[in-house]
Amino acid sequence: MKSLWLRPQIARILLAMIRHVVMFRWHPEFPEAERVSWLAAVRELPSQIGVLRSLSAGVDTLGTDRSWDAAIVAEFDTIEDVATYTEHPAHRPLITISGTGAAEIASVDFII
């Protein structure tokens, strides 16, 4: 087998990470206290889900017409780790809460 250094495209794929970005627009009637509680629980996920390489989450500060209300940015070593995160028991209840509270959710996963 040839060295990966001779195949930069393969090395790039094997060493790549996945960035997972999710944005939320809340229903106006989704209570502020539940939003705050949800965000706090999201920020605890790295201590509960070992495959999370990094996670940041926060609320919009600009409030422009094109702004979303909140976002999560997470990084994983592999696409399989994203699936593990998605199905993890600590994450599933947060999907339910955001699914109920959000008027819109947008997400993208890409190689970095």
C-alpha atoms as a PDB file:
ATOM      1  CA  MET A   1       0.000   0.000   0.000  1.00  0.00           C
ATOM      2  CA  LYS A   2       1.295   3.441  -0.889  1.00  0.00           C
ATOM      3  CA  SER A   3       1.758   6.038   1.798  1.00  0.00           C
ATOM      4  CA  LEU A   4      -1.135   8.415   2.383  1.00  0.00           C
ATOM      5  CA  TRP A   5       1.332  11.240   1.879  1.00  0.00           C
ATOM      6  CA  LEU A   6       1.388  10.227  -1.776  1.00  0.00           C
ATOM      7  CA  ARG A   7      -2.374  10.577  -1.944  1.00  0.00           C
ATOM      8  CA  PRO A   8      -3.301  13.948  -0.467  1.00  0.00           C
ATOM      9  CA  GLN A   9      -6.981  13.611  -1.404  1.00  0.00           C
ATOM     10  CA  ILE A  10      -7.302  10.382   0.592  1.00  0.00           C
ATOM     11  CA  ALA A  11      -5.373  11.791   3.523  1.00  0.00           C
ATOM     12  CA  ARG A  12      -7.623  14.862   3.536  1.00  0.00           C
ATOM     13  CA  ILE A  13     -10.746  12.678   3.657  1.00  0.00           C
ATOM     14  CA  LEU A  14      -9.373  10.379   6.360  1.00  0.00           C
ATOM     15  CA  LEU A  15      -8.236  13.281   8.526  1.00  0.00           C
ATOM     16  CA  ALA A  16     -11.331  15.423   7.914  1.00  0.00           C
ATOM     17  CA  MET A  17     -13.808  16.327  10.599  1.00  0.00           C
ATOM     18  CA  ILE A  18     -17.520  16.994  10.297  1.00  0.00           C
ATOM     19  CA  ARG A  19     -19.020  20.337  11.312  1.00  0.00           C
ATOM     20  CA  HIS A  20     -22.709  20.166  12.262  1.00  0.00           C
ATOM     21  CA  VAL A  21     -24.627  23.458  12.274  1.00  0.00           C
ATOM     22  CA  VAL A  22     -28.265  23.797  13.331  1.00  0.00           C
ATOM     23  CA  MET A  23     -30.263  27.052  13.485  1.00  0.00           C
ATOM     24  CA  PHE A  24     -33.600  27.601  15.188  1.00  0.00           C
ATOM     25  CA  ARG A  25     -36.432  30.117  14.809  1.00  0.00           C
ATOM     26  CA  TRP A  26     -38.671  29.774  17.831  1.00  0.00           C
ATOM     27  CA  HIS A  27     -42.437  29.977  17.842  1.00  0.00           C
ATOM     28  CA  PRO A  28     -43.382  33.272  19.550  1.00  0.00           C
ATOM     29  CA  GLU A  29     -45.307  31.308  22.195  1.00  0.00           C
ATOM     30  CA  PHE A  30     -42.287  29.102  23.086  1.00  0.00           C
ATOM     31  CA  PRO A  31     -41.614  30.350  26.646  1.00  0.00           C
ATOM     32  CA  GLU A  32     -38.350  32.149  27.352  1.00  0.00           C
ATOM     33  CA  ALA A  33     -37.729  29.977  30.417  1.00  0.00           C
ATOM     34  CA  GLU A  34     -37.909  26.837  28.261  1.00  0.00           C
ATOM     35  CA  ARG A  35     -35.527  28.392  25.714  1.00  0.00           C
ATOM     36  CA  VAL A  36     -33.017  29.136  28.466  1.00  0.00           C
ATOM     37  CA  SER A  37     -33.373  25.652  29.949  1.00  0.00           C
ATOM     38  CA  TRP A  38     -32.967  24.041  26.518  1.00  0.00           C
ATOM     39  CA  LEU A  39     -29.821  26.054  25.792  1.00  0.00           C
ATOM     40  CA  ALA A  40     -28.295  25.137  29.154  1.00  0.00           C
ATOM     41  CA  ALA A  41     -28.989  21.447  28.473  1.00  0.00           C
ATOM     42  CA  VAL A  42     -27.450  21.701  24.987  1.00  0.00           C
ATOM     43  CA  ARG A  43     -24.307  23.222  26.480  1.00  0.00           C
ATOM     44  CA  GLU A  44     -24.027  20.221  28.835  1.00  0.00           C
ATOM     45  CA  LEU A  45     -23.973  17.685  25.981  1.00  0.00           C
ATOM     46  CA  PRO A  46     -20.159  17.556  25.605  1.00  0.00           C
ATOM     47  CA  SER A  47     -19.874  16.175  29.138  1.00  0.00           C
ATOM     48  CA  GLN A  48     -22.441  13.486  28.304  1.00  0.00           C
ATOM     49  CA  ILE A  49     -21.602  12.487  24.724  1.00  0.00           C
ATOM     50  CA  GLY A  50     -18.020  11.388  24.181  1.00  0.00           C
ATOM     51  CA  VAL A  51     -18.034  11.690  20.376  1.00  0.00           C
ATOM     52  CA  LEU A  52     -18.563  15.468  20.516  1.00  0.00           C
ATOM     53  CA  ARG A  53     -15.197  16.998  19.655  1.00  0.00           C
ATOM     54  CA  SER A  54     -16.509  20.504  20.376  1.00  0.00           C
ATOM     55  CA  LEU A  55     -19.848  22.262  20.754  1.00  0.00           C
ATOM     56  CA  SER A  56     -20.886  25.883  20.988  1.00  0.00           C
ATOM     57  CA  ALA A  57     -24.449  27.135  21.233  1.00  0.00           C
ATOM     58  CA  GLY A  58     -25.970  30.537  21.691  1.00  0.00           C
ATOM     59  CA  VAL A  59     -28.682  33.016  20.912  1.00  0.00           C
ATOM     60  CA  ASP A  60     -28.646  35.681  18.222  1.00  0.00           C
ATOM     61  CA  THR A  61     -27.304  39.077  19.258  1.00  0.00           C
ATOM     62  CA  LEU A  62     -28.192  41.183  16.194  1.00  0.00           C
ATOM     63  CA  GLY A  63     -31.909  40.572  15.787  1.00  0.00           C
ATOM     64  CA  THR A  64     -31.987  41.409  12.090  1.00  0.00           C
ATOM     65  CA  ASP A  65     -34.766  40.265   9.753  1.00  0.00           C
ATOM     66  CA  ARG A  66     -32.594  37.417   8.485  1.00  0.00           C
ATOM     67  CA  SER A  67     -31.349  36.356  11.937  1.00  0.00           C
ATOM     68  CA  TRP A  68     -32.262  33.032  13.480  1.00  0.00           C
ATOM     69  CA  ASP A  69     -32.991  32.883  17.218  1.00  0.00           C
ATOM     70  CA  ALA A  70     -30.410  30.309  18.275  1.00  0.00           C
ATOM     71  CA  ALA A  71     -27.720  28.082  16.789  1.00  0.00           C
ATOM     72  CA  ILE A  72     -25.579  25.072  17.604  1.00  0.00           C
ATOM     73  CA  VAL A  73     -22.182  24.376  16.041  1.00  0.00           C
ATOM     74  CA  ALA A  74     -20.649  20.989  16.810  1.00  0.00           C
ATOM     75  CA  GLU A  75     -17.640  19.119  15.481  1.00  0.00           C
ATOM     76  CA  PHE A  76     -17.154  15.380  15.142  1.00  0.00           C
ATOM     77  CA  ASP A  77     -14.367  13.119  13.943  1.00  0.00           C
ATOM     78  CA  THR A  78     -16.600  11.069  11.635  1.00  0.00           C
ATOM     79  CA  ILE A  79     -20.052  11.021  10.089  1.00  0.00           C
ATOM     80  CA  GLU A  80     -20.740   7.951  12.229  1.00  0.00           C
ATOM     81  CA  ASP A  81     -20.083  10.098  15.299  1.00  0.00           C
ATOM     82  CA  VAL A  82     -22.790  12.508  14.115  1.00  0.00           C
ATOM     83  CA  ALA A  83     -25.215   9.572  13.999  1.00  0.00           C
ATOM     84  CA  THR A  84     -24.142   8.474  17.491  1.00  0.00           C
ATOM     85  CA  TYR A  85     -24.743  12.012  18.770  1.00  0.00           C
ATOM     86  CA  THR A  86     -28.130  12.232  17.063  1.00  0.00           C
ATOM     87  CA  GLU A  87     -29.378   9.026  18.682  1.00  0.00           C
ATOM     88  CA  HIS A  88     -27.736   9.526  22.090  1.00  0.00           C
ATOM     89  CA  PRO A  89     -30.192   9.404  25.041  1.00  0.00           C
ATOM     90  CA  ALA A  90     -28.938  12.786  26.311  1.00  0.00           C
ATOM     91  CA  HIS A  91     -29.642  14.402  22.939  1.00  0.00           C
ATOM     92  CA  ARG A  92     -33.036  12.881  22.035  1.00  0.00           C
ATOM     93  CA  PRO A  93     -35.112  14.901  24.567  1.00  0.00           C
ATOM     94  CA  LEU A  94     -33.539  18.128  23.284  1.00  0.00           C
ATOM     95  CA  ILE A  95     -34.582  17.234  19.741  1.00  0.00           C
ATOM     96  CA  THR A  96     -38.144  16.832  21.012  1.00  0.00           C
ATOM     97  CA  ILE A  97     -38.086  20.183  22.838  1.00  0.00           C
ATOM     98  CA  SER A  98     -36.604  22.096  19.907  1.00  0.00           C
ATOM     99  CA  GLY A  99     -38.939  20.344  17.474  1.00  0.00           C
ATOM    100  CA  THR A 100     -41.921  21.540  19.491  1.00  0.00           C
ATOM    101  CA  GLY A 101     -40.580  25.019  20.215  1.00  0.00           C
ATOM    102  CA  ALA A 102     -39.236  25.841  16.770  1.00  0.00           C
ATOM    103  CA  ALA A 103     -41.199  27.317  13.913  1.00  0.00           C
ATOM    104  CA  GLU A 104     -38.227  26.523  11.645  1.00  0.00           C
ATOM    105  CA  ILE A 105     -35.039  24.496  11.928  1.00  0.00           C
ATOM    106  CA  ALA A 106     -32.218  24.527   9.379  1.00  0.00           C
ATOM    107  CA  SER A 107     -29.145  22.329   9.473  1.00  0.00           C
ATOM    108  CA  VAL A 108     -26.042  21.549   7.462  1.00  0.00           C
ATOM    109  CA  ASP A 109     -23.220  19.054   7.966  1.00  0.00           C
ATOM    110  CA  PHE A 110     -19.971  19.501   6.057  1.00  0.00           C
ATOM    111  CA  ILE A 111     -16.391  18.291   5.990  1.00  0.00           C
ATOM    112  CA  ILE A 112     -13.779  20.620   7.451  1.00  0.00           C
END
